Amino acid sequence: MDDFSVKHELNGNVAVVTVSGRVDSFTASMLDTELAKIVRENKQLVLDLKEVVYMSSAGVRAIVRTLQTAQKSNGGVSLACVTESVETVLRTVGMLELLKVYPSVDEAVASF
């Protein structure tokens, strides 16, 4: 479960990005690269984080950069299925005020 991966698929006009494993100082750069590619093609993203077992501040930075890029194009980023450990990190750094969090992918997609 600790194996890091990023997969995405389209649900209508929304890119649903499933992130798995540990998002730490090593894997965050890979997350940043993948999200940058995806947000260039799709301005509305849902990040499904149910399989993320750990997220460092470097991972949060990758999400923030993606949010900023999407917002410049009148898009957005929503989070779905956020685990308790990831929610704690997001709350600690004050990101829960900037990001919309939904209990399911379907609800996050519907928010667009």
N, C-alpha and C. Protein backbone atom coordinates (compact mmCIF):
# COMPACT_ATOMS: atom_id res chain seq x y z
N MET A 1 0.83 -1.21 0.00
CA MET A 1 0.00 0.00 0.00
C MET A 1 0.86 1.26 0.00
N ASP A 2 2.12 1.13 0.41
CA ASP A 2 2.99 2.30 0.44
C ASP A 2 3.53 2.67 -0.93
N ASP A 3 3.31 1.83 -1.94
CA ASP A 3 3.80 2.13 -3.27
C ASP A 3 3.07 3.35 -3.81
N PHE A 4 3.86 4.35 -4.20
CA PHE A 4 3.30 5.60 -4.70
C PHE A 4 2.83 5.43 -6.14
N SER A 5 1.64 5.97 -6.43
CA SER A 5 1.18 6.00 -7.81
C SER A 5 0.18 7.13 -8.00
N VAL A 6 0.08 7.58 -9.24
CA VAL A 6 -0.90 8.60 -9.63
C VAL A 6 -1.56 8.09 -10.90
N LYS A 7 -2.88 7.99 -10.86
CA LYS A 7 -3.65 7.58 -12.04
C LYS A 7 -4.76 8.58 -12.22
N HIS A 8 -5.18 8.77 -13.47
CA HIS A 8 -6.31 9.68 -13.67
C HIS A 8 -7.19 9.19 -14.81
N GLU A 9 -8.44 9.61 -14.72
CA GLU A 9 -9.42 9.32 -15.76
C GLU A 9 -10.39 10.49 -15.81
N LEU A 10 -11.05 10.62 -16.94
CA LEU A 10 -12.03 11.70 -17.09
C LEU A 10 -13.41 11.22 -16.67
N ASN A 11 -14.09 12.07 -15.94
CA ASN A 11 -15.49 11.87 -15.60
C ASN A 11 -16.20 13.12 -16.10
N GLY A 12 -16.70 13.06 -17.32
CA GLY A 12 -17.23 14.26 -17.96
C GLY A 12 -16.08 15.20 -18.27
N ASN A 13 -16.18 16.43 -17.76
CA ASN A 13 -15.11 17.42 -17.96
C ASN A 13 -14.15 17.48 -16.78
N VAL A 14 -14.29 16.57 -15.85
CA VAL A 14 -13.48 16.60 -14.63
C VAL A 14 -12.46 15.46 -14.65
N ALA A 15 -11.21 15.79 -14.38
CA ALA A 15 -10.18 14.76 -14.25
C ALA A 15 -10.19 14.26 -12.81
N VAL A 16 -10.41 12.96 -12.66
CA VAL A 16 -10.36 12.34 -11.34
C VAL A 16 -8.99 11.70 -11.20
N VAL A 17 -8.22 12.22 -10.24
CA VAL A 17 -6.84 11.79 -10.04
C VAL A 17 -6.78 10.97 -8.75
N THR A 18 -6.41 9.71 -8.89
CA THR A 18 -6.29 8.83 -7.72
C THR A 18 -4.83 8.75 -7.34
N VAL A 19 -4.55 9.17 -6.11
CA VAL A 19 -3.19 9.15 -5.58
C VAL A 19 -3.12 8.04 -4.54
N SER A 20 -2.07 7.24 -4.59
CA SER A 20 -1.91 6.12 -3.67
C SER A 20 -0.53 6.13 -3.04
N GLY A 21 -0.45 5.60 -1.83
CA GLY A 21 0.83 5.42 -1.16
C GLY A 21 1.26 6.60 -0.33
N ARG A 22 2.57 6.74 -0.19
CA ARG A 22 3.17 7.82 0.60
C ARG A 22 3.51 9.01 -0.30
N VAL A 23 3.07 10.19 0.11
CA VAL A 23 3.46 11.42 -0.59
C VAL A 23 4.42 12.13 0.35
N ASP A 24 5.71 11.93 0.10
CA ASP A 24 6.74 12.48 0.97
C ASP A 24 7.68 13.36 0.15
N SER A 25 8.80 13.73 0.73
CA SER A 25 9.70 14.65 0.04
C SER A 25 10.24 14.04 -1.26
N PHE A 26 10.31 12.73 -1.36
CA PHE A 26 10.78 12.08 -2.58
C PHE A 26 9.68 11.99 -3.63
N THR A 27 8.50 11.52 -3.24
CA THR A 27 7.44 11.28 -4.22
C THR A 27 6.65 12.54 -4.56
N ALA A 28 6.74 13.57 -3.73
CA ALA A 28 5.97 14.80 -3.99
C ALA A 28 6.37 15.44 -5.31
N SER A 29 7.63 15.33 -5.70
CA SER A 29 8.03 15.91 -6.99
C SER A 29 7.38 15.16 -8.15
N MET A 30 7.21 13.85 -7.99
CA MET A 30 6.51 13.08 -9.03
C MET A 30 5.04 13.47 -9.07
N LEU A 31 4.44 13.66 -7.89
CA LEU A 31 3.05 14.11 -7.84
C LEU A 31 2.90 15.46 -8.51
N ASP A 32 3.81 16.37 -8.19
CA ASP A 32 3.78 17.72 -8.77
C ASP A 32 3.86 17.65 -10.30
N THR A 33 4.76 16.83 -10.82
CA THR A 33 4.93 16.68 -12.26
C THR A 33 3.66 16.13 -12.91
N GLU A 34 3.10 15.08 -12.32
CA GLU A 34 1.89 14.48 -12.88
C GLU A 34 0.70 15.44 -12.84
N LEU A 35 0.52 16.12 -11.70
CA LEU A 35 -0.59 17.07 -11.58
C LEU A 35 -0.43 18.22 -12.56
N ALA A 36 0.81 18.67 -12.78
CA ALA A 36 1.04 19.76 -13.73
C ALA A 36 0.62 19.35 -15.15
N LYS A 37 0.91 18.11 -15.52
CA LYS A 37 0.50 17.61 -16.83
C LYS A 37 -1.02 17.55 -16.93
N ILE A 38 -1.65 17.02 -15.90
CA ILE A 38 -3.10 16.82 -15.92
C ILE A 38 -3.83 18.16 -15.94
N VAL A 39 -3.38 19.13 -15.13
CA VAL A 39 -4.08 20.41 -15.05
C VAL A 39 -3.92 21.23 -16.33
N ARG A 40 -2.90 20.96 -17.12
CA ARG A 40 -2.77 21.64 -18.42
C ARG A 40 -3.89 21.22 -19.36
N GLU A 41 -4.34 19.98 -19.24
CA GLU A 41 -5.39 19.44 -20.10
C GLU A 41 -6.79 19.61 -19.52
N ASN A 42 -6.89 19.62 -18.21
CA ASN A 42 -8.19 19.63 -17.52
C ASN A 42 -8.14 20.66 -16.39
N LYS A 43 -9.01 21.63 -16.45
CA LYS A 43 -8.98 22.71 -15.45
C LYS A 43 -9.74 22.37 -14.19
N GLN A 44 -10.50 21.28 -14.22
CA GLN A 44 -11.27 20.86 -13.05
C GLN A 44 -10.75 19.49 -12.63
N LEU A 45 -10.22 19.42 -11.41
CA LEU A 45 -9.63 18.19 -10.92
C LEU A 45 -10.25 17.78 -9.60
N VAL A 46 -10.43 16.49 -9.45
CA VAL A 46 -10.79 15.91 -8.16
C VAL A 46 -9.63 14.99 -7.79
N LEU A 47 -9.07 15.22 -6.61
CA LEU A 47 -8.00 14.36 -6.12
C LEU A 47 -8.61 13.36 -5.14
N ASP A 48 -8.60 12.10 -5.52
CA ASP A 48 -9.09 11.02 -4.67
C ASP A 48 -7.92 10.57 -3.81
N LEU A 49 -8.00 10.84 -2.51
CA LEU A 49 -6.88 10.59 -1.61
C LEU A 49 -7.11 9.42 -0.66
N LYS A 50 -8.10 8.57 -0.95
CA LYS A 50 -8.43 7.50 -0.01
C LYS A 50 -7.30 6.50 0.19
N GLU A 51 -6.39 6.39 -0.76
CA GLU A 51 -5.29 5.42 -0.66
C GLU A 51 -3.96 6.06 -0.26
N VAL A 52 -4.01 7.34 0.15
CA VAL A 52 -2.79 8.01 0.60
C VAL A 52 -2.58 7.67 2.07
N VAL A 53 -1.44 7.06 2.37
CA VAL A 53 -1.17 6.65 3.75
C VAL A 53 -0.38 7.70 4.53
N TYR A 54 0.26 8.61 3.81
CA TYR A 54 1.05 9.68 4.45
C TYR A 54 1.20 10.82 3.46
N MET A 55 1.13 12.06 3.97
CA MET A 55 1.39 13.22 3.12
C MET A 55 2.22 14.23 3.90
N SER A 56 3.34 14.62 3.30
CA SER A 56 4.20 15.63 3.91
C SER A 56 3.82 17.01 3.39
N SER A 57 4.47 18.02 3.92
CA SER A 57 4.22 19.38 3.45
C SER A 57 4.60 19.54 1.98
N ALA A 58 5.53 18.73 1.51
CA ALA A 58 5.90 18.78 0.08
C ALA A 58 4.73 18.34 -0.79
N GLY A 59 3.97 17.37 -0.32
CA GLY A 59 2.77 16.95 -1.04
C GLY A 59 1.71 18.03 -1.05
N VAL A 60 1.58 18.71 0.08
CA VAL A 60 0.62 19.82 0.17
C VAL A 60 1.00 20.92 -0.82
N ARG A 61 2.30 21.21 -0.93
CA ARG A 61 2.75 22.22 -1.90
C ARG A 61 2.37 21.85 -3.32
N ALA A 62 2.48 20.57 -3.67
CA ALA A 62 2.10 20.12 -5.02
C ALA A 62 0.61 20.37 -5.26
N ILE A 63 -0.20 20.12 -4.25
CA ILE A 63 -1.64 20.37 -4.38
C ILE A 63 -1.92 21.86 -4.52
N VAL A 64 -1.22 22.67 -3.74
CA VAL A 64 -1.41 24.13 -3.79
C VAL A 64 -1.03 24.67 -5.17
N ARG A 65 0.09 24.21 -5.71
CA ARG A 65 0.50 24.66 -7.05
C ARG A 65 -0.55 24.29 -8.09
N THR A 66 -1.09 23.08 -7.97
CA THR A 66 -2.12 22.64 -8.91
C THR A 66 -3.38 23.50 -8.77
N LEU A 67 -3.76 23.79 -7.54
CA LEU A 67 -4.93 24.65 -7.29
C LEU A 67 -4.71 26.02 -7.92
N GLN A 68 -3.55 26.61 -7.72
CA GLN A 68 -3.27 27.93 -8.27
C GLN A 68 -3.32 27.92 -9.80
N THR A 69 -2.75 26.89 -10.41
CA THR A 69 -2.76 26.78 -11.87
C THR A 69 -4.19 26.64 -12.38
N ALA A 70 -4.98 25.80 -11.73
CA ALA A 70 -6.37 25.59 -12.15
C ALA A 70 -7.17 26.88 -12.01
N GLN A 71 -6.98 27.59 -10.91
CA GLN A 71 -7.74 28.82 -10.67
C GLN A 71 -7.41 29.91 -11.68
N LYS A 72 -6.19 29.94 -12.18
CA LYS A 72 -5.81 30.93 -13.20
C LYS A 72 -6.61 30.73 -14.48
N SER A 73 -7.10 29.52 -14.69
CA SER A 73 -7.89 29.20 -15.88
C SER A 73 -9.36 29.01 -15.54
N ASN A 74 -9.79 29.63 -14.42
CA ASN A 74 -11.17 29.52 -13.96
C ASN A 74 -11.58 28.09 -13.66
N GLY A 75 -10.63 27.28 -13.26
CA GLY A 75 -10.90 25.90 -12.86
C GLY A 75 -10.82 25.76 -11.36
N GLY A 76 -10.65 24.54 -10.91
CA GLY A 76 -10.56 24.31 -9.48
C GLY A 76 -10.10 22.91 -9.16
N VAL A 77 -9.81 22.72 -7.88
CA VAL A 77 -9.38 21.42 -7.37
C VAL A 77 -10.22 21.11 -6.15
N SER A 78 -10.80 19.93 -6.14
CA SER A 78 -11.53 19.44 -4.97
C SER A 78 -10.89 18.15 -4.51
N LEU A 79 -11.01 17.88 -3.24
CA LEU A 79 -10.47 16.65 -2.67
C LEU A 79 -11.60 15.71 -2.31
N ALA A 80 -11.36 14.42 -2.45
CA ALA A 80 -12.36 13.42 -2.10
C ALA A 80 -11.71 12.33 -1.27
N CYS A 81 -12.50 11.77 -0.36
CA CYS A 81 -12.09 10.60 0.41
C CYS A 81 -10.78 10.84 1.17
N VAL A 82 -10.66 11.99 1.80
CA VAL A 82 -9.44 12.35 2.51
C VAL A 82 -9.33 11.53 3.80
N THR A 83 -8.21 10.87 3.96
CA THR A 83 -7.99 10.07 5.17
C THR A 83 -7.76 10.99 6.37
N GLU A 84 -7.93 10.44 7.54
CA GLU A 84 -7.77 11.23 8.75
C GLU A 84 -6.36 11.80 8.88
N SER A 85 -5.34 11.01 8.53
CA SER A 85 -3.96 11.50 8.66
C SER A 85 -3.68 12.64 7.69
N VAL A 86 -4.21 12.54 6.47
CA VAL A 86 -4.01 13.62 5.49
C VAL A 86 -4.81 14.84 5.91
N GLU A 87 -6.01 14.64 6.41
CA GLU A 87 -6.82 15.77 6.87
C GLU A 87 -6.12 16.53 7.99
N THR A 88 -5.46 15.81 8.86
CA THR A 88 -4.72 16.45 9.95
C THR A 88 -3.61 17.34 9.40
N VAL A 89 -2.89 16.86 8.41
CA VAL A 89 -1.81 17.66 7.80
C VAL A 89 -2.41 18.90 7.14
N LEU A 90 -3.48 18.72 6.37
CA LEU A 90 -4.11 19.85 5.68
C LEU A 90 -4.64 20.88 6.66
N ARG A 91 -5.20 20.42 7.76
CA ARG A 91 -5.71 21.34 8.79
C ARG A 91 -4.55 22.10 9.44
N THR A 92 -3.48 21.39 9.73
CA THR A 92 -2.32 21.99 10.41
C THR A 92 -1.72 23.12 9.59
N VAL A 93 -1.67 22.95 8.28
CA VAL A 93 -1.08 23.99 7.42
C VAL A 93 -2.11 24.98 6.90
N GLY A 94 -3.36 24.85 7.35
CA GLY A 94 -4.38 25.83 6.99
C GLY A 94 -4.98 25.66 5.61
N MET A 95 -4.84 24.49 5.01
CA MET A 95 -5.33 24.29 3.65
C MET A 95 -6.80 23.90 3.56
N LEU A 96 -7.39 23.48 4.66
CA LEU A 96 -8.79 23.09 4.60
C LEU A 96 -9.70 24.28 4.31
N GLU A 97 -9.20 25.49 4.57
CA GLU A 97 -9.98 26.68 4.27
C GLU A 97 -9.97 26.99 2.77
N LEU A 98 -8.93 26.55 2.07
CA LEU A 98 -8.79 26.85 0.64
C LEU A 98 -9.34 25.75 -0.26
N LEU A 99 -9.36 24.54 0.24
CA LEU A 99 -9.76 23.40 -0.58
C LEU A 99 -11.14 22.90 -0.18
N LYS A 100 -11.89 22.49 -1.18
CA LYS A 100 -13.19 21.87 -0.90
C LYS A 100 -12.95 20.37 -0.74
N VAL A 101 -13.49 19.82 0.34
CA VAL A 101 -13.31 18.41 0.65
C VAL A 101 -14.67 17.73 0.65
N TYR A 102 -14.76 16.60 -0.04
CA TYR A 102 -16.01 15.86 -0.16
C TYR A 102 -15.80 14.41 0.29
N PRO A 103 -16.86 13.80 0.83
CA PRO A 103 -16.72 12.42 1.31
C PRO A 103 -16.59 11.38 0.21
N SER A 104 -17.00 11.73 -1.03
CA SER A 104 -16.89 10.76 -2.12
C SER A 104 -16.45 11.46 -3.41
N VAL A 105 -15.94 10.67 -4.32
CA VAL A 105 -15.52 11.18 -5.63
C VAL A 105 -16.73 11.73 -6.38
N ASP A 106 -17.84 11.01 -6.33
CA ASP A 106 -19.03 11.45 -7.05
C ASP A 106 -19.51 12.82 -6.58
N GLU A 107 -19.48 13.04 -5.26
CA GLU A 107 -19.89 14.35 -4.73
C GLU A 107 -18.91 15.44 -5.15
N ALA A 108 -17.63 15.12 -5.17
CA ALA A 108 -16.63 16.11 -5.59
C ALA A 108 -16.80 16.45 -7.07
N VAL A 109 -17.02 15.44 -7.90
CA VAL A 109 -17.23 15.69 -9.32
C VAL A 109 -18.49 16.54 -9.52
N ALA A 110 -19.54 16.22 -8.80
CA ALA A 110 -20.81 16.97 -8.92
C ALA A 110 -20.67 18.42 -8.49
N SER A 111 -19.65 18.73 -7.69
CA SER A 111 -19.47 20.11 -7.21
C SER A 111 -19.07 21.05 -8.33
N PHE A 112 -18.59 20.52 -9.44
CA PHE A 112 -18.23 21.34 -10.59
C PHE A 112 -19.45 21.51 -11.46
